[in-house]
Amino acid sequence: PELFARQVARTPDATALAFEDTTLTYRELDARANRLAHWLAGQGV
């Protein structure tokens, strides 16, 4: 997570993920994963 955060800071608007017609930038992927991570922590992860 720390290494990934550094990459997000370096290239926030670069495309991190492409799946068919969907793309997410590093900033977008980071935000989506962060929201889910907070939920996971609430489930005992």
ModelCIF file with pLDDT and N, C-alpha, C, O atoms, coordinates in Angstrom:
data_MODEL
#
_entry.id   MODEL 
#
_entity.id                         1 
_entity.type                       polymer 
_entity.pdbx_number_of_molecules   1 
#
_entity_poly.entity_id                      1 
_entity_poly.type                           'polypeptide(L)' 
_entity_poly.nstd_linkage                   no 
_entity_poly.nstd_monomer                   no 
_entity_poly.pdbx_seq_one_letter_code       PELFARQVARTPDATALAFEDTTLTYRELDARANRLAHWLAGQGV 
_entity_poly.pdbx_seq_one_letter_code_can   PELFARQVARTPDATALAFEDTTLTYRELDARANRLAHWLAGQGV 
_entity_poly.pdbx_strand_id                 A 
#
loop_
_entity_poly_seq.entity_id 
_entity_poly_seq.num 
_entity_poly_seq.mon_id 
_entity_poly_seq.hetero 
1 1  PRO n 
1 2  GLU n 
1 3  LEU n 
1 4  PHE n 
1 5  ALA n 
1 6  ARG n 
1 7  GLN n 
1 8  VAL n 
1 9  ALA n 
1 10 ARG n 
1 11 THR n 
1 12 PRO n 
1 13 ASP n 
1 14 ALA n 
1 15 THR n 
1 16 ALA n 
1 17 LEU n 
1 18 ALA n 
1 19 PHE n 
1 20 GLU n 
1 21 ASP n 
1 22 THR n 
1 23 THR n 
1 24 LEU n 
1 25 THR n 
1 26 TYR n 
1 27 ARG n 
1 28 GLU n 
1 29 LEU n 
1 30 ASP n 
1 31 ALA n 
1 32 ARG n 
1 33 ALA n 
1 34 ASN n 
1 35 ARG n 
1 36 LEU n 
1 37 ALA n 
1 38 HIS n 
1 39 TRP n 
1 40 LEU n 
1 41 ALA n 
1 42 GLY n 
1 43 GLN n 
1 44 GLY n 
1 45 VAL n 
#
_struct_asym.id          A 
_struct_asym.entity_id   1 
#
loop_
_ma_qa_metric.id 
_ma_qa_metric.mode 
_ma_qa_metric.name 
_ma_qa_metric.software_group_id 
_ma_qa_metric.type 
1 global pLDDT . pLDDT 
2 local  pLDDT . pLDDT 
#
_ma_qa_metric_global.metric_id      1 
_ma_qa_metric_global.metric_value   97.69 
_ma_qa_metric_global.model_id       1 
_ma_qa_metric_global.ordinal_id     1 
#
loop_
_ma_qa_metric_local.label_asym_id 
_ma_qa_metric_local.label_comp_id 
_ma_qa_metric_local.label_seq_id 
_ma_qa_metric_local.metric_id 
_ma_qa_metric_local.metric_value 
_ma_qa_metric_local.model_id 
_ma_qa_metric_local.ordinal_id 
A PRO 1  2 98.00 1 1  
A GLU 2  2 97.00 1 2  
A LEU 3  2 97.00 1 3  
A PHE 4  2 98.00 1 4  
A ALA 5  2 97.00 1 5  
A ARG 6  2 96.00 1 6  
A GLN 7  2 97.00 1 7  
A VAL 8  2 98.00 1 8  
A ALA 9  2 97.00 1 9  
A ARG 10 2 97.00 1 10 
A THR 11 2 97.00 1 11 
A PRO 12 2 98.00 1 12 
A ASP 13 2 98.00 1 13 
A ALA 14 2 98.00 1 14 
A THR 15 2 98.00 1 15 
A ALA 16 2 98.00 1 16 
A LEU 17 2 98.00 1 17 
A ALA 18 2 98.00 1 18 
A PHE 19 2 98.00 1 19 
A GLU 20 2 97.00 1 20 
A ASP 21 2 97.00 1 21 
A THR 22 2 98.00 1 22 
A THR 23 2 98.00 1 23 
A LEU 24 2 98.00 1 24 
A THR 25 2 98.00 1 25 
A TYR 26 2 98.00 1 26 
A ARG 27 2 98.00 1 27 
A GLU 28 2 98.00 1 28 
A LEU 29 2 98.00 1 29 
A ASP 30 2 98.00 1 30 
A ALA 31 2 98.00 1 31 
A ARG 32 2 98.00 1 32 
A ALA 33 2 98.00 1 33 
A ASN 34 2 98.00 1 34 
A ARG 35 2 98.00 1 35 
A LEU 36 2 98.00 1 36 
A ALA 37 2 98.00 1 37 
A HIS 38 2 98.00 1 38 
A TRP 39 2 98.00 1 39 
A LEU 40 2 98.00 1 40 
A ALA 41 2 98.00 1 41 
A GLY 42 2 97.00 1 42 
A GLN 43 2 97.00 1 43 
A GLY 44 2 97.00 1 44 
A VAL 45 2 98.00 1 45 
#
loop_
_atom_site.group_PDB 
_atom_site.id 
_atom_site.type_symbol 
_atom_site.label_atom_id 
_atom_site.label_alt_id 
_atom_site.label_comp_id 
_atom_site.label_asym_id 
_atom_site.label_entity_id 
_atom_site.label_seq_id 
_atom_site.pdbx_PDB_ins_code 
_atom_site.Cartn_x 
_atom_site.Cartn_y 
_atom_site.Cartn_z 
_atom_site.occupancy 
_atom_site.B_iso_or_equiv 
_atom_site.pdbx_formal_charge 
_atom_site.auth_seq_id 
_atom_site.auth_comp_id 
_atom_site.auth_asym_id 
_atom_site.auth_atom_id 
_atom_site.pdbx_PDB_model_num 
ATOM 1   N N  . PRO A 1 1  ? 0.809   -1.225 0.000   1.00 98.00 ? 1  PRO A N  1 
ATOM 2   C CA . PRO A 1 1  ? 0.000   0.000  0.000   1.00 98.00 ? 1  PRO A CA 1 
ATOM 3   C C  . PRO A 1 1  ? 0.838   1.269  0.000   1.00 98.00 ? 1  PRO A C  1 
ATOM 4   O O  . PRO A 1 1  ? 0.465   2.259  -0.630  1.00 98.00 ? 1  PRO A O  1 
ATOM 5   N N  . GLU A 1 2  ? 1.953   1.249  0.692   1.00 97.00 ? 2  GLU A N  1 
ATOM 6   C CA . GLU A 1 2  ? 2.830   2.423  0.721   1.00 97.00 ? 2  GLU A CA 1 
ATOM 7   C C  . GLU A 1 2  ? 3.487   2.640  -0.634  1.00 97.00 ? 2  GLU A C  1 
ATOM 8   O O  . GLU A 1 2  ? 3.568   3.771  -1.113  1.00 97.00 ? 2  GLU A O  1 
ATOM 9   N N  . LEU A 1 3  ? 3.953   1.571  -1.248  1.00 97.00 ? 3  LEU A N  1 
ATOM 10  C CA . LEU A 1 3  ? 4.566   1.688  -2.575  1.00 97.00 ? 3  LEU A CA 1 
ATOM 11  C C  . LEU A 1 3  ? 3.554   2.152  -3.605  1.00 97.00 ? 3  LEU A C  1 
ATOM 12  O O  . LEU A 1 3  ? 3.875   2.958  -4.479  1.00 97.00 ? 3  LEU A O  1 
ATOM 13  N N  . PHE A 1 4  ? 2.330   1.643  -3.506  1.00 98.00 ? 4  PHE A N  1 
ATOM 14  C CA . PHE A 1 4  ? 1.282   2.055  -4.439  1.00 98.00 ? 4  PHE A CA 1 
ATOM 15  C C  . PHE A 1 4  ? 0.931   3.528  -4.242  1.00 98.00 ? 4  PHE A C  1 
ATOM 16  O O  . PHE A 1 4  ? 0.721   4.247  -5.219  1.00 98.00 ? 4  PHE A O  1 
ATOM 17  N N  . ALA A 1 5  ? 0.866   3.984  -2.995  1.00 97.00 ? 5  ALA A N  1 
ATOM 18  C CA . ALA A 1 5  ? 0.551   5.387  -2.712  1.00 97.00 ? 5  ALA A CA 1 
ATOM 19  C C  . ALA A 1 5  ? 1.585   6.310  -3.349  1.00 97.00 ? 5  ALA A C  1 
ATOM 20  O O  . ALA A 1 5  ? 1.242   7.377  -3.860  1.00 97.00 ? 5  ALA A O  1 
ATOM 21  N N  . ARG A 1 6  ? 2.850   5.898  -3.317  1.00 96.00 ? 6  ARG A N  1 
ATOM 22  C CA . ARG A 1 6  ? 3.885   6.704  -3.961  1.00 96.00 ? 6  ARG A CA 1 
ATOM 23  C C  . ARG A 1 6  ? 3.645   6.808  -5.468  1.00 96.00 ? 6  ARG A C  1 
ATOM 24  O O  . ARG A 1 6  ? 3.859   7.859  -6.071  1.00 96.00 ? 6  ARG A O  1 
ATOM 25  N N  . GLN A 1 7  ? 3.197   5.704  -6.063  1.00 97.00 ? 7  GLN A N  1 
ATOM 26  C CA . GLN A 1 7  ? 2.946   5.726  -7.496  1.00 97.00 ? 7  GLN A CA 1 
ATOM 27  C C  . GLN A 1 7  ? 1.747   6.602  -7.824  1.00 97.00 ? 7  GLN A C  1 
ATOM 28  O O  . GLN A 1 7  ? 1.762   7.325  -8.820  1.00 97.00 ? 7  GLN A O  1 
ATOM 29  N N  . VAL A 1 8  ? 0.709   6.544  -6.996  1.00 98.00 ? 8  VAL A N  1 
ATOM 30  C CA . VAL A 1 8  ? -0.454  7.405  -7.212  1.00 98.00 ? 8  VAL A CA 1 
ATOM 31  C C  . VAL A 1 8  ? -0.032  8.872  -7.171  1.00 98.00 ? 8  VAL A C  1 
ATOM 32  O O  . VAL A 1 8  ? -0.492  9.677  -7.981  1.00 98.00 ? 8  VAL A O  1 
ATOM 33  N N  . ALA A 1 9  ? 0.838   9.216  -6.233  1.00 97.00 ? 9  ALA A N  1 
ATOM 34  C CA . ALA A 1 9  ? 1.320   10.593 -6.130  1.00 97.00 ? 9  ALA A CA 1 
ATOM 35  C C  . ALA A 1 9  ? 2.125   10.990 -7.361  1.00 97.00 ? 9  ALA A C  1 
ATOM 36  O O  . ALA A 1 9  ? 2.093   12.149 -7.774  1.00 97.00 ? 9  ALA A O  1 
ATOM 37  N N  . ARG A 1 10 ? 2.856   10.030 -7.958  1.00 97.00 ? 10 ARG A N  1 
ATOM 38  C CA . ARG A 1 10 ? 3.672   10.339 -9.130  1.00 97.00 ? 10 ARG A CA 1 
ATOM 39  C C  . ARG A 1 10 ? 2.829   10.494 -10.393 1.00 97.00 ? 10 ARG A C  1 
ATOM 40  O O  . ARG A 1 10 ? 3.040   11.415 -11.182 1.00 97.00 ? 10 ARG A O  1 
ATOM 41  N N  . THR A 1 11 ? 1.874   9.587  -10.577 1.00 97.00 ? 11 THR A N  1 
ATOM 42  C CA . THR A 1 11 ? 1.116   9.584  -11.847 1.00 97.00 ? 11 THR A CA 1 
ATOM 43  C C  . THR A 1 11 ? -0.385  9.440  -11.577 1.00 97.00 ? 11 THR A C  1 
ATOM 44  O O  . THR A 1 11 ? -0.984  8.447  -11.991 1.00 97.00 ? 11 THR A O  1 
ATOM 45  N N  . PRO A 1 12 ? -1.008  10.411 -10.890 1.00 98.00 ? 12 PRO A N  1 
ATOM 46  C CA . PRO A 1 12 ? -2.418  10.264 -10.503 1.00 98.00 ? 12 PRO A CA 1 
ATOM 47  C C  . PRO A 1 12 ? -3.383  10.140 -11.678 1.00 98.00 ? 12 PRO A C  1 
ATOM 48  O O  . PRO A 1 12 ? -4.419  9.484  -11.559 1.00 98.00 ? 12 PRO A O  1 
ATOM 49  N N  . ASP A 1 13 ? -3.058  10.757 -12.801 1.00 98.00 ? 13 ASP A N  1 
ATOM 50  C CA . ASP A 1 13 ? -3.999  10.780 -13.918 1.00 98.00 ? 13 ASP A CA 1 
ATOM 51  C C  . ASP A 1 13 ? -3.662  9.782  -15.019 1.00 98.00 ? 13 ASP A C  1 
ATOM 52  O O  . ASP A 1 13 ? -4.337  9.738  -16.048 1.00 98.00 ? 13 ASP A O  1 
ATOM 53  N N  . ALA A 1 14 ? -2.619  8.980  -14.807 1.00 98.00 ? 14 ALA A N  1 
ATOM 54  C CA . ALA A 1 14 ? -2.310  7.908  -15.764 1.00 98.00 ? 14 ALA A CA 1 
ATOM 55  C C  . ALA A 1 14 ? -3.310  6.780  -15.594 1.00 98.00 ? 14 ALA A C  1 
ATOM 56  O O  . ALA A 1 14 ? -3.885  6.613  -14.518 1.00 98.00 ? 14 ALA A O  1 
ATOM 57  N N  . THR A 1 15 ? -3.520  6.007  -16.645 1.00 98.00 ? 15 THR A N  1 
ATOM 58  C CA . THR A 1 15 ? -4.464  4.889  -16.585 1.00 98.00 ? 15 THR A CA 1 
ATOM 59  C C  . THR A 1 15 ? -3.826  3.721  -15.847 1.00 98.00 ? 15 THR A C  1 
ATOM 60  O O  . THR A 1 15 ? -2.786  3.204  -16.253 1.00 98.00 ? 15 THR A O  1 
ATOM 61  N N  . ALA A 1 16 ? -4.468  3.313  -14.754 1.00 98.00 ? 16 ALA A N  1 
ATOM 62  C CA . ALA A 1 16 ? -3.965  2.202  -13.952 1.00 98.00 ? 16 ALA A CA 1 
ATOM 63  C C  . ALA A 1 16 ? -4.573  0.874  -14.362 1.00 98.00 ? 16 ALA A C  1 
ATOM 64  O O  . ALA A 1 16 ? -3.921  -0.166 -14.268 1.00 98.00 ? 16 ALA A O  1 
ATOM 65  N N  . LEU A 1 17 ? -5.827  0.902  -14.820 1.00 98.00 ? 17 LEU A N  1 
ATOM 66  C CA . LEU A 1 17 ? -6.554  -0.336 -15.095 1.00 98.00 ? 17 LEU A CA 1 
ATOM 67  C C  . LEU A 1 17 ? -7.426  -0.169 -16.328 1.00 98.00 ? 17 LEU A C  1 
ATOM 68  O O  . LEU A 1 17 ? -8.121  0.834  -16.487 1.00 98.00 ? 17 LEU A O  1 
ATOM 69  N N  . ALA A 1 18 ? -7.375  -1.173 -17.199 1.00 98.00 ? 18 ALA A N  1 
ATOM 70  C CA . ALA A 1 18 ? -8.263  -1.223 -18.361 1.00 98.00 ? 18 ALA A CA 1 
ATOM 71  C C  . ALA A 1 18 ? -8.937  -2.584 -18.384 1.00 98.00 ? 18 ALA A C  1 
ATOM 72  O O  . ALA A 1 18 ? -8.272  -3.620 -18.368 1.00 98.00 ? 18 ALA A O  1 
ATOM 73  N N  . PHE A 1 19 ? -10.258 -2.573 -18.422 1.00 98.00 ? 19 PHE A N  1 
ATOM 74  C CA . PHE A 1 19 ? -11.029 -3.818 -18.518 1.00 98.00 ? 19 PHE A CA 1 
ATOM 75  C C  . PHE A 1 19 ? -12.144 -3.580 -19.523 1.00 98.00 ? 19 PHE A C  1 
ATOM 76  O O  . PHE A 1 19 ? -13.106 -2.862 -19.247 1.00 98.00 ? 19 PHE A O  1 
ATOM 77  N N  . GLU A 1 20 ? -12.003 -4.189 -20.687 1.00 97.00 ? 20 GLU A N  1 
ATOM 78  C CA . GLU A 1 20 ? -12.949 -3.972 -21.766 1.00 97.00 ? 20 GLU A CA 1 
ATOM 79  C C  . GLU A 1 20 ? -13.080 -2.459 -22.036 1.00 97.00 ? 20 GLU A C  1 
ATOM 80  O O  . GLU A 1 20 ? -12.094 -1.813 -22.391 1.00 97.00 ? 20 GLU A O  1 
ATOM 81  N N  . ASP A 1 21 ? -14.285 -1.892 -21.872 1.00 97.00 ? 21 ASP A N  1 
ATOM 82  C CA . ASP A 1 21 ? -14.485 -0.469 -22.158 1.00 97.00 ? 21 ASP A CA 1 
ATOM 83  C C  . ASP A 1 21 ? -14.294 0.422  -20.933 1.00 97.00 ? 21 ASP A C  1 
ATOM 84  O O  . ASP A 1 21 ? -14.477 1.636  -21.021 1.00 97.00 ? 21 ASP A O  1 
ATOM 85  N N  . THR A 1 22 ? -13.930 -0.162 -19.795 1.00 98.00 ? 22 THR A N  1 
ATOM 86  C CA . THR A 1 22 ? -13.777 0.595  -18.558 1.00 98.00 ? 22 THR A CA 1 
ATOM 87  C C  . THR A 1 22 ? -12.309 0.865  -18.280 1.00 98.00 ? 22 THR A C  1 
ATOM 88  O O  . THR A 1 22 ? -11.470 -0.028 -18.401 1.00 98.00 ? 22 THR A O  1 
ATOM 89  N N  . THR A 1 23 ? -12.001 2.106  -17.904 1.00 98.00 ? 23 THR A N  1 
ATOM 90  C CA . THR A 1 23 ? -10.649 2.448  -17.486 1.00 98.00 ? 23 THR A CA 1 
ATOM 91  C C  . THR A 1 23 ? -10.722 3.211  -16.163 1.00 98.00 ? 23 THR A C  1 
ATOM 92  O O  . THR A 1 23 ? -11.682 3.937  -15.904 1.00 98.00 ? 23 THR A O  1 
ATOM 93  N N  . LEU A 1 24 ? -9.705  3.039  -15.341 1.00 98.00 ? 24 LEU A N  1 
ATOM 94  C CA . LEU A 1 24 ? -9.573  3.783  -14.090 1.00 98.00 ? 24 LEU A CA 1 
ATOM 95  C C  . LEU A 1 24 ? -8.175  4.385  -14.035 1.00 98.00 ? 24 LEU A C  1 
ATOM 96  O O  . LEU A 1 24 ? -7.189  3.708  -14.322 1.00 98.00 ? 24 LEU A O  1 
ATOM 97  N N  . THR A 1 25 ? -8.095  5.650  -13.668 1.00 98.00 ? 25 THR A N  1 
ATOM 98  C CA . THR A 1 25 ? -6.791  6.258  -13.437 1.00 98.00 ? 25 THR A CA 1 
ATOM 99  C C  . THR A 1 25 ? -6.267  5.783  -12.087 1.00 98.00 ? 25 THR A C  1 
ATOM 100 O O  . THR A 1 25 ? -6.984  5.158  -11.305 1.00 98.00 ? 25 THR A O  1 
ATOM 101 N N  . TYR A 1 26 ? -5.000  6.096  -11.833 1.00 98.00 ? 26 TYR A N  1 
ATOM 102 C CA . TYR A 1 26 ? -4.446  5.736  -10.529 1.00 98.00 ? 26 TYR A CA 1 
ATOM 103 C C  . TYR A 1 26 ? -5.217  6.429  -9.407  1.00 98.00 ? 26 TYR A C  1 
ATOM 104 O O  . TYR A 1 26 ? -5.440  5.830  -8.354  1.00 98.00 ? 26 TYR A O  1 
ATOM 105 N N  . ARG A 1 27 ? -5.624  7.674  -9.616  1.00 98.00 ? 27 ARG A N  1 
ATOM 106 C CA . ARG A 1 27 ? -6.390  8.389  -8.606  1.00 98.00 ? 27 ARG A CA 1 
ATOM 107 C C  . ARG A 1 27 ? -7.746  7.715  -8.363  1.00 98.00 ? 27 ARG A C  1 
ATOM 108 O O  . ARG A 1 27 ? -8.172  7.554  -7.219  1.00 98.00 ? 27 ARG A O  1 
ATOM 109 N N  . GLU A 1 28 ? -8.413  7.324  -9.451  1.00 98.00 ? 28 GLU A N  1 
ATOM 110 C CA . GLU A 1 28 ? -9.725  6.702  -9.330  1.00 98.00 ? 28 GLU A CA 1 
ATOM 111 C C  . GLU A 1 28 ? -9.648  5.320  -8.690  1.00 98.00 ? 28 GLU A C  1 
ATOM 112 O O  . GLU A 1 28 ? -10.465 4.980  -7.833  1.00 98.00 ? 28 GLU A O  1 
ATOM 113 N N  . LEU A 1 29 ? -8.671  4.530  -9.105  1.00 98.00 ? 29 LEU A N  1 
ATOM 114 C CA . LEU A 1 29 ? -8.490  3.200  -8.520  1.00 98.00 ? 29 LEU A CA 1 
ATOM 115 C C  . LEU A 1 29 ? -8.179  3.312  -7.037  1.00 98.00 ? 29 LEU A C  1 
ATOM 116 O O  . LEU A 1 29 ? -8.702  2.545  -6.228  1.00 98.00 ? 29 LEU A O  1 
ATOM 117 N N  . ASP A 1 30 ? -7.329  4.268  -6.680  1.00 98.00 ? 30 ASP A N  1 
ATOM 118 C CA . ASP A 1 30 ? -6.967  4.473  -5.286  1.00 98.00 ? 30 ASP A CA 1 
ATOM 119 C C  . ASP A 1 30 ? -8.187  4.823  -4.438  1.00 98.00 ? 30 ASP A C  1 
ATOM 120 O O  . ASP A 1 30 ? -8.366  4.278  -3.349  1.00 98.00 ? 30 ASP A O  1 
ATOM 121 N N  . ALA A 1 31 ? -9.023  5.731  -4.937  1.00 98.00 ? 31 ALA A N  1 
ATOM 122 C CA . ALA A 1 31 ? -10.203 6.148  -4.178  1.00 98.00 ? 31 ALA A CA 1 
ATOM 123 C C  . ALA A 1 31 ? -11.186 5.001  -3.994  1.00 98.00 ? 31 ALA A C  1 
ATOM 124 O O  . ALA A 1 31 ? -11.723 4.815  -2.902  1.00 98.00 ? 31 ALA A O  1 
ATOM 125 N N  . ARG A 1 32 ? -11.425 4.231  -5.052  1.00 98.00 ? 32 ARG A N  1 
ATOM 126 C CA . ARG A 1 32 ? -12.356 3.108  -4.942  1.00 98.00 ? 32 ARG A CA 1 
ATOM 127 C C  . ARG A 1 32 ? -11.846 2.054  -3.968  1.00 98.00 ? 32 ARG A C  1 
ATOM 128 O O  . ARG A 1 32 ? -12.606 1.516  -3.163  1.00 98.00 ? 32 ARG A O  1 
ATOM 129 N N  . ALA A 1 33 ? -10.553 1.766  -4.050  1.00 98.00 ? 33 ALA A N  1 
ATOM 130 C CA . ALA A 1 33 ? -9.978  0.766  -3.145  1.00 98.00 ? 33 ALA A CA 1 
ATOM 131 C C  . ALA A 1 33 ? -9.972  1.276  -1.701  1.00 98.00 ? 33 ALA A C  1 
ATOM 132 O O  . ALA A 1 33 ? -10.169 0.496  -0.769  1.00 98.00 ? 33 ALA A O  1 
ATOM 133 N N  . ASN A 1 34 ? -9.750  2.561  -1.515  1.00 98.00 ? 34 ASN A N  1 
ATOM 134 C CA . ASN A 1 34 ? -9.763  3.114  -0.160  1.00 98.00 ? 34 ASN A CA 1 
ATOM 135 C C  . ASN A 1 34 ? -11.139 2.985  0.479   1.00 98.00 ? 34 ASN A C  1 
ATOM 136 O O  . ASN A 1 34 ? -11.244 2.615  1.648   1.00 98.00 ? 34 ASN A O  1 
ATOM 137 N N  . ARG A 1 35 ? -12.175 3.280  -0.260  1.00 98.00 ? 35 ARG A N  1 
ATOM 138 C CA . ARG A 1 35 ? -13.531 3.163  0.294   1.00 98.00 ? 35 ARG A CA 1 
ATOM 139 C C  . ARG A 1 35 ? -13.821 1.718  0.704   1.00 98.00 ? 35 ARG A C  1 
ATOM 140 O O  . ARG A 1 35 ? -14.361 1.462  1.781   1.00 98.00 ? 35 ARG A O  1 
ATOM 141 N N  . LEU A 1 36 ? -13.459 0.792  -0.159  1.00 98.00 ? 36 LEU A N  1 
ATOM 142 C CA . LEU A 1 36 ? -13.686 -0.609 0.178   1.00 98.00 ? 36 LEU A CA 1 
ATOM 143 C C  . LEU A 1 36 ? -12.807 -1.035 1.351   1.00 98.00 ? 36 LEU A C  1 
ATOM 144 O O  . LEU A 1 36 ? -13.234 -1.834 2.184   1.00 98.00 ? 36 LEU A O  1 
ATOM 145 N N  . ALA A 1 37 ? -11.591 -0.513 1.425   1.00 98.00 ? 37 ALA A N  1 
ATOM 146 C CA . ALA A 1 37 ? -10.689 -0.860 2.529   1.00 98.00 ? 37 ALA A CA 1 
ATOM 147 C C  . ALA A 1 37 ? -11.273 -0.418 3.868   1.00 98.00 ? 37 ALA A C  1 
ATOM 148 O O  . ALA A 1 37 ? -11.156 -1.138 4.860   1.00 98.00 ? 37 ALA A O  1 
ATOM 149 N N  . HIS A 1 38 ? -11.898 0.752  3.907   1.00 98.00 ? 38 HIS A N  1 
ATOM 150 C CA . HIS A 1 38 ? -12.539 1.205  5.151   1.00 98.00 ? 38 HIS A CA 1 
ATOM 151 C C  . HIS A 1 38 ? -13.667 0.256  5.543   1.00 98.00 ? 38 HIS A C  1 
ATOM 152 O O  . HIS A 1 38 ? -13.837 -0.064 6.720   1.00 98.00 ? 38 HIS A O  1 
ATOM 153 N N  . TRP A 1 39 ? -14.434 -0.190 4.555   1.00 98.00 ? 39 TRP A N  1 
ATOM 154 C CA . TRP A 1 39 ? -15.521 -1.142 4.839   1.00 98.00 ? 39 TRP A CA 1 
ATOM 155 C C  . TRP A 1 39 ? -14.944 -2.458 5.348   1.00 98.00 ? 39 TRP A C  1 
ATOM 156 O O  . TRP A 1 39 ? -15.461 -3.041 6.301   1.00 98.00 ? 39 TRP A O  1 
ATOM 157 N N  . LEU A 1 40 ? -13.874 -2.922 4.712   1.00 98.00 ? 40 LEU A N  1 
ATOM 158 C CA . LEU A 1 40 ? -13.247 -4.178 5.136   1.00 98.00 ? 40 LEU A CA 1 
ATOM 159 C C  . LEU A 1 40 ? -12.741 -4.081 6.562   1.00 98.00 ? 40 LEU A C  1 
ATOM 160 O O  . LEU A 1 40 ? -12.905 -5.013 7.349   1.00 98.00 ? 40 LEU A O  1 
ATOM 161 N N  . ALA A 1 41 ? -12.128 -2.957 6.895   1.00 98.00 ? 41 ALA A N  1 
ATOM 162 C CA . ALA A 1 41 ? -11.638 -2.780 8.260   1.00 98.00 ? 41 ALA A CA 1 
ATOM 163 C C  . ALA A 1 41 ? -12.784 -2.882 9.267   1.00 98.00 ? 41 ALA A C  1 
ATOM 164 O O  . ALA A 1 41 ? -12.610 -3.407 10.367  1.00 98.00 ? 41 ALA A O  1 
ATOM 165 N N  . GLY A 1 42 ? -13.949 -2.378 8.882   1.00 97.00 ? 42 GLY A N  1 
ATOM 166 C CA . GLY A 1 42 ? -15.119 -2.484 9.744   1.00 97.00 ? 42 GLY A CA 1 
ATOM 167 C C  . GLY A 1 42 ? -15.634 -3.903 9.892   1.00 97.00 ? 42 GLY A C  1 
ATOM 168 O O  . GLY A 1 42 ? -16.394 -4.198 10.814  1.00 97.00 ? 42 GLY A O  1 
ATOM 169 N N  . GLN A 1 43 ? -15.224 -4.781 8.988   1.00 97.00 ? 43 GLN A N  1 
ATOM 170 C CA . GLN A 1 43 ? -15.618 -6.196 9.051   1.00 97.00 ? 43 GLN A CA 1 
ATOM 171 C C  . GLN A 1 43 ? -14.573 -7.047 9.767   1.00 97.00 ? 43 GLN A C  1 
ATOM 172 O O  . GLN A 1 43 ? -14.694 -8.271 9.815   1.00 97.00 ? 43 GLN A O  1 
ATOM 173 N N  . GLY A 1 44 ? -13.556 -6.408 10.318  1.00 97.00 ? 44 GLY A N  1 
ATOM 174 C CA . GLY A 1 44 ? -12.537 -7.141 11.074  1.00 97.00 ? 44 GLY A CA 1 
ATOM 175 C C  . GLY A 1 44 ? -11.279 -7.459 10.311  1.00 97.00 ? 44 GLY A C  1 
ATOM 176 O O  . GLY A 1 44 ? -10.441 -8.212 10.806  1.00 97.00 ? 44 GLY A O  1 
ATOM 177 N N  . VAL A 1 45 ? -11.111 -6.906 9.103   1.00 98.00 ? 45 VAL A N  1 
ATOM 178 C CA . VAL A 1 45 ? -9.905  -7.168 8.316   1.00 98.00 ? 45 VAL A CA 1 
ATOM 179 C C  . VAL A 1 45 ? -8.775  -6.279 8.834   1.00 98.00 ? 45 VAL A C  1 
ATOM 180 O O  . VAL A 1 45 ? -7.660  -6.333 8.315   1.00 98.00 ? 45 VAL A O  1 
#
